[in-house]
Amino acid sequence: MDFKDKTILITGGTGSFGRAFTKRLLQEDAIAKVIIFSRDEWKQWEMRDTDPIFTHPKIRYFLGDIRDPVRLARAFQEVDIVIHAAALKQVPAAEYNPSEFIKTNVMGAMNIINAAIDAKVEKVIALSTDKAVNPVNLYGATKLCSDKLFIAGNAYVGSSQQPIFAVVRYGNVLGSRGSLLPFWKKLIAQGETSLPVTDPRMTRFWITLDEAVNFVIHCLPLTQAGEI
């Protein structure tokens, strides 16, 4: 996709995907701006502090929460493309805090849709998960609701046909924060000799962080509205 003079906003931009995606975007010399939208000021500071590339003059850090529609409306001004990567995603936490996951993953998605329509953003890609397919836990259920909302968002845009809303789903991202492998590495570093496995019959489908980024880059020019 041609990113010439485009401004791209990444919600949850301080996460594993957001950092890798930002690095990839900065390889595009003609890109106008990358906006990192997240609610944690410490993570934004730590992101800038750990890698000089994240102090690039084309990066703008925007503190805010996707639960806050007013803040989203301000952040989306003059944005061309939104990559929605913000979510609460820890499966056990969802079971004990269902209302919080609904506020972020479901109501937050609705806020993004409304803000994108009002700001006349060109395209919105929402990141999803294989756990949204026939969900068996609350996290998966909230992501399924989010996916349905983004697809339905295409019916609200009117004659302008903008934004285009689409969803990208993938499986486990190798080494992402909060995932299995960093957890196992932590246990090994603590001297544990056995690693917990919920069910030995389980099969996990892995992709690398670079593959996740490349997949989204690949999908951006292909989306026509309503795809998952």
C-alpha atoms as a PDB file:
ATOM      1  CA  MET A   1       0.000   0.000   0.000  1.00  0.00           C
ATOM      2  CA  ASP A   2       1.155   3.534  -0.740  1.00  0.00           C
ATOM      3  CA  PHE A   3       1.586   5.380   2.566  1.00  0.00           C
ATOM      4  CA  LYS A   4       2.638   8.649   0.936  1.00  0.00           C
ATOM      5  CA  ASP A   5       1.476  11.603   3.059  1.00  0.00           C
ATOM      6  CA  LYS A   6      -0.687   9.306   5.216  1.00  0.00           C
ATOM      7  CA  THR A   7      -1.246   9.778   8.936  1.00  0.00           C
ATOM      8  CA  ILE A   8      -1.746   6.468  10.721  1.00  0.00           C
ATOM      9  CA  LEU A   9      -3.038   6.106  14.274  1.00  0.00           C
ATOM     10  CA  ILE A  10      -2.467   2.916  16.270  1.00  0.00           C
ATOM     11  CA  THR A  11      -4.628   2.335  19.333  1.00  0.00           C
ATOM     12  CA  GLY A  12      -2.767   0.333  21.936  1.00  0.00           C
ATOM     13  CA  GLY A  13       0.342   1.480  20.137  1.00  0.00           C
ATOM     14  CA  THR A  14       2.726   0.768  23.032  1.00  0.00           C
ATOM     15  CA  GLY A  15       2.038  -2.978  22.873  1.00  0.00           C
ATOM     16  CA  SER A  16       4.116  -5.615  21.108  1.00  0.00           C
ATOM     17  CA  PHE A  17       2.243  -5.260  17.826  1.00  0.00           C
ATOM     18  CA  GLY A  18       2.121  -1.467  17.977  1.00  0.00           C
ATOM     19  CA  ARG A  19       5.876  -1.167  18.410  1.00  0.00           C
ATOM     20  CA  ALA A  20       6.676  -3.585  15.593  1.00  0.00           C
ATOM     21  CA  PHE A  21       4.100  -1.973  13.297  1.00  0.00           C
ATOM     22  CA  THR A  22       5.464   1.500  14.023  1.00  0.00           C
ATOM     23  CA  LYS A  23       9.000   0.403  13.109  1.00  0.00           C
ATOM     24  CA  ARG A  24       7.665  -1.021   9.858  1.00  0.00           C
ATOM     25  CA  LEU A  25       5.798   2.202   9.021  1.00  0.00           C
ATOM     26  CA  LEU A  26       8.864   4.339   9.623  1.00  0.00           C
ATOM     27  CA  GLN A  27      10.578   2.490   6.777  1.00  0.00           C
ATOM     28  CA  GLU A  28       8.133   4.318   4.505  1.00  0.00           C
ATOM     29  CA  ASP A  29       9.971   7.583   3.881  1.00  0.00           C
ATOM     30  CA  ALA A  30       6.920   9.381   2.518  1.00  0.00           C
ATOM     31  CA  ILE A  31       4.626   8.662   5.481  1.00  0.00           C
ATOM     32  CA  ALA A  32       3.391  11.835   7.171  1.00  0.00           C
ATOM     33  CA  LYS A  33       2.894  10.801  10.784  1.00  0.00           C
ATOM     34  CA  VAL A  34       2.416   7.822  13.120  1.00  0.00           C
ATOM     35  CA  ILE A  35       0.243   8.473  16.174  1.00  0.00           C
ATOM     36  CA  ILE A  36       0.649   6.184  19.189  1.00  0.00           C
ATOM     37  CA  PHE A  37      -2.630   6.253  21.118  1.00  0.00           C
ATOM     38  CA  SER A  38      -2.563   4.553  24.524  1.00  0.00           C
ATOM     39  CA  ARG A  39      -3.696   5.141  28.075  1.00  0.00           C
ATOM     40  CA  ASP A  40      -0.443   4.385  29.951  1.00  0.00           C
ATOM     41  CA  GLU A  41       2.009   7.288  30.168  1.00  0.00           C
ATOM     42  CA  TRP A  42       4.710   5.022  31.626  1.00  0.00           C
ATOM     43  CA  LYS A  43       4.593   2.684  28.624  1.00  0.00           C
ATOM     44  CA  GLN A  44       4.833   5.658  26.281  1.00  0.00           C
ATOM     45  CA  TRP A  45       7.895   6.942  28.151  1.00  0.00           C
ATOM     46  CA  GLU A  46       9.433   3.458  28.285  1.00  0.00           C
ATOM     47  CA  MET A  47       8.816   3.009  24.556  1.00  0.00           C
ATOM     48  CA  ARG A  48      10.746   6.197  23.775  1.00  0.00           C
ATOM     49  CA  ASP A  49      13.466   5.336  26.275  1.00  0.00           C
ATOM     50  CA  THR A  50      14.260   1.792  25.112  1.00  0.00           C
ATOM     51  CA  ASP A  51      14.762   2.388  21.394  1.00  0.00           C
ATOM     52  CA  PRO A  52      15.920   5.604  19.682  1.00  0.00           C
ATOM     53  CA  ILE A  53      13.678   4.888  16.694  1.00  0.00           C
ATOM     54  CA  PHE A  54      10.662   5.700  18.869  1.00  0.00           C
ATOM     55  CA  THR A  55      11.867   9.293  19.237  1.00  0.00           C
ATOM     56  CA  HIS A  56      11.518   9.746  15.473  1.00  0.00           C
ATOM     57  CA  PRO A  57      10.075  13.193  14.614  1.00  0.00           C
ATOM     58  CA  LYS A  58       7.225  11.582  12.654  1.00  0.00           C
ATOM     59  CA  ILE A  59       5.892   9.865  15.801  1.00  0.00           C
ATOM     60  CA  ARG A  60       3.272  11.626  17.929  1.00  0.00           C
ATOM     61  CA  TYR A  61       2.321  10.213  21.344  1.00  0.00           C
ATOM     62  CA  PHE A  62      -1.305  10.731  22.313  1.00  0.00           C
ATOM     63  CA  LEU A  63      -2.454   9.835  25.821  1.00  0.00           C
ATOM     64  CA  GLY A  64      -6.032   8.600  25.964  1.00  0.00           C
ATOM     65  CA  ASP A  65      -8.427   5.711  26.491  1.00  0.00           C
ATOM     66  CA  ILE A  66     -10.682   4.142  23.866  1.00  0.00           C
ATOM     67  CA  ARG A  67     -13.419   4.255  26.508  1.00  0.00           C
ATOM     68  CA  ASP A  68     -13.384   8.058  26.164  1.00  0.00           C
ATOM     69  CA  PRO A  69     -15.237   9.122  22.990  1.00  0.00           C
ATOM     70  CA  VAL A  70     -14.296  12.795  23.392  1.00  0.00           C
ATOM     71  CA  ARG A  71     -10.584  11.997  23.512  1.00  0.00           C
ATOM     72  CA  LEU A  72     -10.911   9.675  20.508  1.00  0.00           C
ATOM     73  CA  ALA A  73     -12.657  12.406  18.531  1.00  0.00           C
ATOM     74  CA  ARG A  74      -9.728  14.734  19.170  1.00  0.00           C
ATOM     75  CA  ALA A  75      -7.118  12.081  18.355  1.00  0.00           C
ATOM     76  CA  PHE A  76      -8.763  11.107  15.054  1.00  0.00           C
ATOM     77  CA  GLN A  77      -8.630  14.586  13.529  1.00  0.00           C
ATOM     78  CA  GLU A  78      -6.785  14.508  10.166  1.00  0.00           C
ATOM     79  CA  VAL A  79      -6.039  10.776  10.525  1.00  0.00           C
ATOM     80  CA  ASP A  80      -6.166   8.685   7.344  1.00  0.00           C
ATOM     81  CA  ILE A  81      -5.864   5.124   8.675  1.00  0.00           C
ATOM     82  CA  VAL A  82      -6.614   3.638  12.097  1.00  0.00           C
ATOM     83  CA  ILE A  83      -5.148   0.333  13.262  1.00  0.00           C
ATOM     84  CA  HIS A  84      -7.114  -0.756  16.328  1.00  0.00           C
ATOM     85  CA  ALA A  85      -4.839  -2.897  18.495  1.00  0.00           C
ATOM     86  CA  ALA A  86      -6.040  -1.815  21.948  1.00  0.00           C
ATOM     87  CA  ALA A  87      -7.784  -4.472  24.022  1.00  0.00           C
ATOM     88  CA  LEU A  88      -7.951  -6.180  27.365  1.00  0.00           C
ATOM     89  CA  LYS A  89      -6.895  -9.729  26.518  1.00  0.00           C
ATOM     90  CA  GLN A  90      -5.941 -11.787  29.569  1.00  0.00           C
ATOM     91  CA  VAL A  91      -8.394 -14.695  29.591  1.00  0.00           C
ATOM     92  CA  PRO A  92      -8.459 -15.363  33.381  1.00  0.00           C
ATOM     93  CA  ALA A  93      -8.839 -11.645  34.162  1.00  0.00           C
ATOM     94  CA  ALA A  94     -11.854 -11.464  31.857  1.00  0.00           C
ATOM     95  CA  GLU A  95     -13.716 -14.093  33.858  1.00  0.00           C
ATOM     96  CA  TYR A  96     -13.317 -12.086  37.064  1.00  0.00           C
ATOM     97  CA  ASN A  97     -13.766  -8.627  35.543  1.00  0.00           C
ATOM     98  CA  PRO A  98     -16.356  -9.062  32.788  1.00  0.00           C
ATOM     99  CA  SER A  99     -17.716  -5.518  32.937  1.00  0.00           C
ATOM    100  CA  GLU A 100     -14.240  -4.027  32.426  1.00  0.00           C
ATOM    101  CA  PHE A 101     -13.599  -6.192  29.366  1.00  0.00           C
ATOM    102  CA  ILE A 102     -16.976  -5.219  27.916  1.00  0.00           C
ATOM    103  CA  LYS A 103     -16.257  -1.511  28.473  1.00  0.00           C
ATOM    104  CA  THR A 104     -12.918  -1.709  26.651  1.00  0.00           C
ATOM    105  CA  ASN A 105     -13.354  -4.414  24.021  1.00  0.00           C
ATOM    106  CA  VAL A 106     -16.998  -3.797  23.090  1.00  0.00           C
ATOM    107  CA  MET A 107     -17.909  -0.228  24.031  1.00  0.00           C
ATOM    108  CA  GLY A 108     -14.405   0.911  23.079  1.00  0.00           C
ATOM    109  CA  ALA A 109     -14.933  -0.574  19.611  1.00  0.00           C
ATOM    110  CA  MET A 110     -18.187   1.353  19.253  1.00  0.00           C
ATOM    111  CA  ASN A 111     -16.422   4.561  20.274  1.00  0.00           C
ATOM    112  CA  ILE A 112     -13.759   4.006  17.621  1.00  0.00           C
ATOM    113  CA  ILE A 113     -16.373   3.394  14.933  1.00  0.00           C
ATOM    114  CA  ASN A 114     -18.241   6.599  15.785  1.00  0.00           C
ATOM    115  CA  ALA A 115     -15.067   8.694  16.011  1.00  0.00           C
ATOM    116  CA  ALA A 116     -13.774   7.338  12.692  1.00  0.00           C
ATOM    117  CA  ILE A 117     -17.056   8.118  10.921  1.00  0.00           C
ATOM    118  CA  ASP A 118     -17.211  11.636  12.349  1.00  0.00           C
ATOM    119  CA  ALA A 119     -13.570  12.347  11.435  1.00  0.00           C
ATOM    120  CA  LYS A 120     -13.996  10.838   7.934  1.00  0.00           C
ATOM    121  CA  VAL A 121     -11.070   8.456   8.378  1.00  0.00           C
ATOM    122  CA  GLU A 122     -10.320   6.525   5.173  1.00  0.00           C
ATOM    123  CA  LYS A 123      -9.888   3.047   6.624  1.00  0.00           C
ATOM    124  CA  VAL A 124     -10.053   1.235   9.972  1.00  0.00           C
ATOM    125  CA  ILE A 125      -8.478  -2.185  10.519  1.00  0.00           C
ATOM    126  CA  ALA A 126      -9.402  -3.865  13.803  1.00  0.00           C
ATOM    127  CA  LEU A 127      -7.122  -6.610  15.086  1.00  0.00           C
ATOM    128  CA  SER A 128      -8.885  -9.698  16.375  1.00  0.00           C
ATOM    129  CA  THR A 129      -8.098 -13.208  17.543  1.00  0.00           C
ATOM    130  CA  ASP A 130      -8.902 -16.820  16.783  1.00  0.00           C
ATOM    131  CA  LYS A 131     -10.551 -16.888  20.224  1.00  0.00           C
ATOM    132  CA  ALA A 132     -13.444 -14.935  18.671  1.00  0.00           C
ATOM    133  CA  VAL A 133     -14.368 -18.023  16.615  1.00  0.00           C
ATOM    134  CA  ASN A 134     -16.966 -20.058  18.527  1.00  0.00           C
ATOM    135  CA  PRO A 135     -15.834 -18.383  21.764  1.00  0.00           C
ATOM    136  CA  VAL A 136     -15.665 -20.434  24.943  1.00  0.00           C
ATOM    137  CA  ASN A 137     -14.541 -17.630  27.255  1.00  0.00           C
ATOM    138  CA  LEU A 138     -15.538 -14.049  27.928  1.00  0.00           C
ATOM    139  CA  TYR A 139     -12.499 -12.554  26.233  1.00  0.00           C
ATOM    140  CA  GLY A 140     -13.319 -14.374  23.000  1.00  0.00           C
ATOM    141  CA  ALA A 141     -16.962 -13.326  23.308  1.00  0.00           C
ATOM    142  CA  THR A 142     -16.049  -9.651  23.660  1.00  0.00           C
ATOM    143  CA  LYS A 143     -13.792  -9.841  20.604  1.00  0.00           C
ATOM    144  CA  LEU A 144     -16.567 -11.503  18.604  1.00  0.00           C
ATOM    145  CA  CYS A 145     -18.882  -8.634  19.588  1.00  0.00           C
ATOM    146  CA  SER A 146     -16.187  -6.161  18.574  1.00  0.00           C
ATOM    147  CA  ASP A 147     -15.733  -7.867  15.192  1.00  0.00           C
ATOM    148  CA  LYS A 148     -19.476  -7.755  14.524  1.00  0.00           C
ATOM    149  CA  LEU A 149     -19.597  -4.061  15.412  1.00  0.00           C
ATOM    150  CA  PHE A 150     -16.784  -3.170  13.017  1.00  0.00           C
ATOM    151  CA  ILE A 151     -18.376  -5.093  10.165  1.00  0.00           C
ATOM    152  CA  ALA A 152     -21.740  -3.439  10.881  1.00  0.00           C
ATOM    153  CA  GLY A 153     -19.983  -0.059  10.908  1.00  0.00           C
ATOM    154  CA  ASN A 154     -19.845  -0.187   7.109  1.00  0.00           C
ATOM    155  CA  ALA A 155     -23.624   0.242   7.057  1.00  0.00           C
ATOM    156  CA  TYR A 156     -23.397   3.561   8.917  1.00  0.00           C
ATOM    157  CA  VAL A 157     -21.025   5.477   6.655  1.00  0.00           C
ATOM    158  CA  GLY A 158     -23.597   6.739   4.162  1.00  0.00           C
ATOM    159  CA  SER A 159     -22.864   7.820   0.610  1.00  0.00           C
ATOM    160  CA  SER A 160     -19.256   8.794   1.356  1.00  0.00           C
ATOM    161  CA  GLN A 161     -18.330   5.123   1.789  1.00  0.00           C
ATOM    162  CA  GLN A 162     -15.735   6.171   4.334  1.00  0.00           C
ATOM    163  CA  PRO A 163     -14.369   4.834   6.530  1.00  0.00           C
ATOM    164  CA  ILE A 164     -13.908   1.299   5.255  1.00  0.00           C
ATOM    165  CA  PHE A 165     -14.071  -1.033   8.263  1.00  0.00           C
ATOM    166  CA  ALA A 166     -12.458  -4.481   8.235  1.00  0.00           C
ATOM    167  CA  VAL A 167     -11.166  -7.028  10.739  1.00  0.00           C
ATOM    168  CA  VAL A 168      -7.919  -9.006  10.733  1.00  0.00           C
ATOM    169  CA  ARG A 169      -7.841 -12.194  12.809  1.00  0.00           C
ATOM    170  CA  TYR A 170      -4.783 -14.236  13.650  1.00  0.00           C
ATOM    171  CA  GLY A 171      -3.651 -16.770  16.240  1.00  0.00           C
ATOM    172  CA  ASN A 172      -0.990 -16.694  18.936  1.00  0.00           C
ATOM    173  CA  VAL A 173       1.778 -14.183  18.301  1.00  0.00           C
ATOM    174  CA  LEU A 174       5.105 -15.691  19.292  1.00  0.00           C
ATOM    175  CA  GLY A 175       6.570 -13.936  22.314  1.00  0.00           C
ATOM    176  CA  SER A 176       3.964 -11.197  22.643  1.00  0.00           C
ATOM    177  CA  ARG A 177       3.527  -9.749  26.103  1.00  0.00           C
ATOM    178  CA  GLY A 178       1.188 -11.769  28.296  1.00  0.00           C
ATOM    179  CA  SER A 179       1.425 -14.855  26.075  1.00  0.00           C
ATOM    180  CA  LEU A 180       2.607 -18.343  26.958  1.00  0.00           C
ATOM    181  CA  LEU A 181       6.293 -18.265  25.982  1.00  0.00           C
ATOM    182  CA  PRO A 182       7.284 -15.213  28.085  1.00  0.00           C
ATOM    183  CA  PHE A 183       5.444 -16.855  31.002  1.00  0.00           C
ATOM    184  CA  TRP A 184       7.417 -20.070  30.570  1.00  0.00           C
ATOM    185  CA  LYS A 185      10.688 -18.120  30.234  1.00  0.00           C
ATOM    186  CA  LYS A 186       9.936 -16.381  33.509  1.00  0.00           C
ATOM    187  CA  LEU A 187       9.315 -19.708  35.267  1.00  0.00           C
ATOM    188  CA  ILE A 188      12.537 -21.187  33.867  1.00  0.00           C
ATOM    189  CA  ALA A 189      14.490 -18.122  35.038  1.00  0.00           C
ATOM    190  CA  GLN A 190      13.013 -18.671  38.504  1.00  0.00           C
ATOM    191  CA  GLY A 191      14.387 -22.222  38.521  1.00  0.00           C
ATOM    192  CA  GLU A 192      11.194 -24.135  37.797  1.00  0.00           C
ATOM    193  CA  THR A 193      11.842 -27.590  36.333  1.00  0.00           C
ATOM    194  CA  SER A 194       8.300 -28.285  35.128  1.00  0.00           C
ATOM    195  CA  LEU A 195       6.086 -26.000  33.068  1.00  0.00           C
ATOM    196  CA  PRO A 196       2.290 -25.830  33.420  1.00  0.00           C
ATOM    197  CA  VAL A 197       0.204 -27.080  30.502  1.00  0.00           C
ATOM    198  CA  THR A 198      -3.563 -26.708  30.704  1.00  0.00           C
ATOM    199  CA  ASP A 199      -4.247 -29.694  28.449  1.00  0.00           C
ATOM    200  CA  PRO A 200      -1.570 -31.752  26.627  1.00  0.00           C
ATOM    201  CA  ARG A 201      -3.979 -32.367  23.746  1.00  0.00           C
ATOM    202  CA  MET A 202      -4.134 -28.676  22.892  1.00  0.00           C
ATOM    203  CA  THR A 203      -2.689 -27.452  19.599  1.00  0.00           C
ATOM    204  CA  ARG A 204      -1.435 -23.891  19.291  1.00  0.00           C
ATOM    205  CA  PHE A 205      -0.995 -22.058  16.010  1.00  0.00           C
ATOM    206  CA  TRP A 206       1.844 -19.553  16.142  1.00  0.00           C
ATOM    207  CA  ILE A 207       2.895 -16.638  14.001  1.00  0.00           C
ATOM    208  CA  THR A 208       5.832 -14.321  14.567  1.00  0.00           C
ATOM    209  CA  LEU A 209       5.403 -10.634  15.298  1.00  0.00           C
ATOM    210  CA  ASP A 210       6.858  -9.784  11.891  1.00  0.00           C
ATOM    211  CA  GLU A 211       4.322 -12.099  10.237  1.00  0.00           C
ATOM    212  CA  ALA A 212       1.500 -10.351  12.119  1.00  0.00           C
ATOM    213  CA  VAL A 213       2.729  -6.939  10.957  1.00  0.00           C
ATOM    214  CA  ASN A 214       3.198  -8.080   7.366  1.00  0.00           C
ATOM    215  CA  PHE A 215      -0.274  -9.634   7.380  1.00  0.00           C
ATOM    216  CA  VAL A 216      -1.882  -6.320   8.335  1.00  0.00           C
ATOM    217  CA  ILE A 217       0.220  -4.443   5.758  1.00  0.00           C
ATOM    218  CA  HIS A 218      -0.874  -7.005   3.156  1.00  0.00           C
ATOM    219  CA  CYS A 219      -4.567  -6.674   4.077  1.00  0.00           C
ATOM    220  CA  LEU A 220      -4.703  -2.866   4.090  1.00  0.00           C
ATOM    221  CA  PRO A 221      -4.952  -2.335   0.310  1.00  0.00           C
ATOM    222  CA  LEU A 222      -7.200  -5.382  -0.163  1.00  0.00           C
ATOM    223  CA  THR A 223     -10.044  -4.410   2.154  1.00  0.00           C
ATOM    224  CA  GLN A 224     -13.177  -3.216   0.370  1.00  0.00           C
ATOM    225  CA  ALA A 225     -15.433  -3.071   3.494  1.00  0.00           C
ATOM    226  CA  GLY A 226     -16.776  -5.773   5.746  1.00  0.00           C
ATOM    227  CA  GLU A 227     -14.068  -8.418   5.479  1.00  0.00           C
ATOM    228  CA  ILE A 228     -12.838 -10.590   8.342  1.00  0.00           C
END
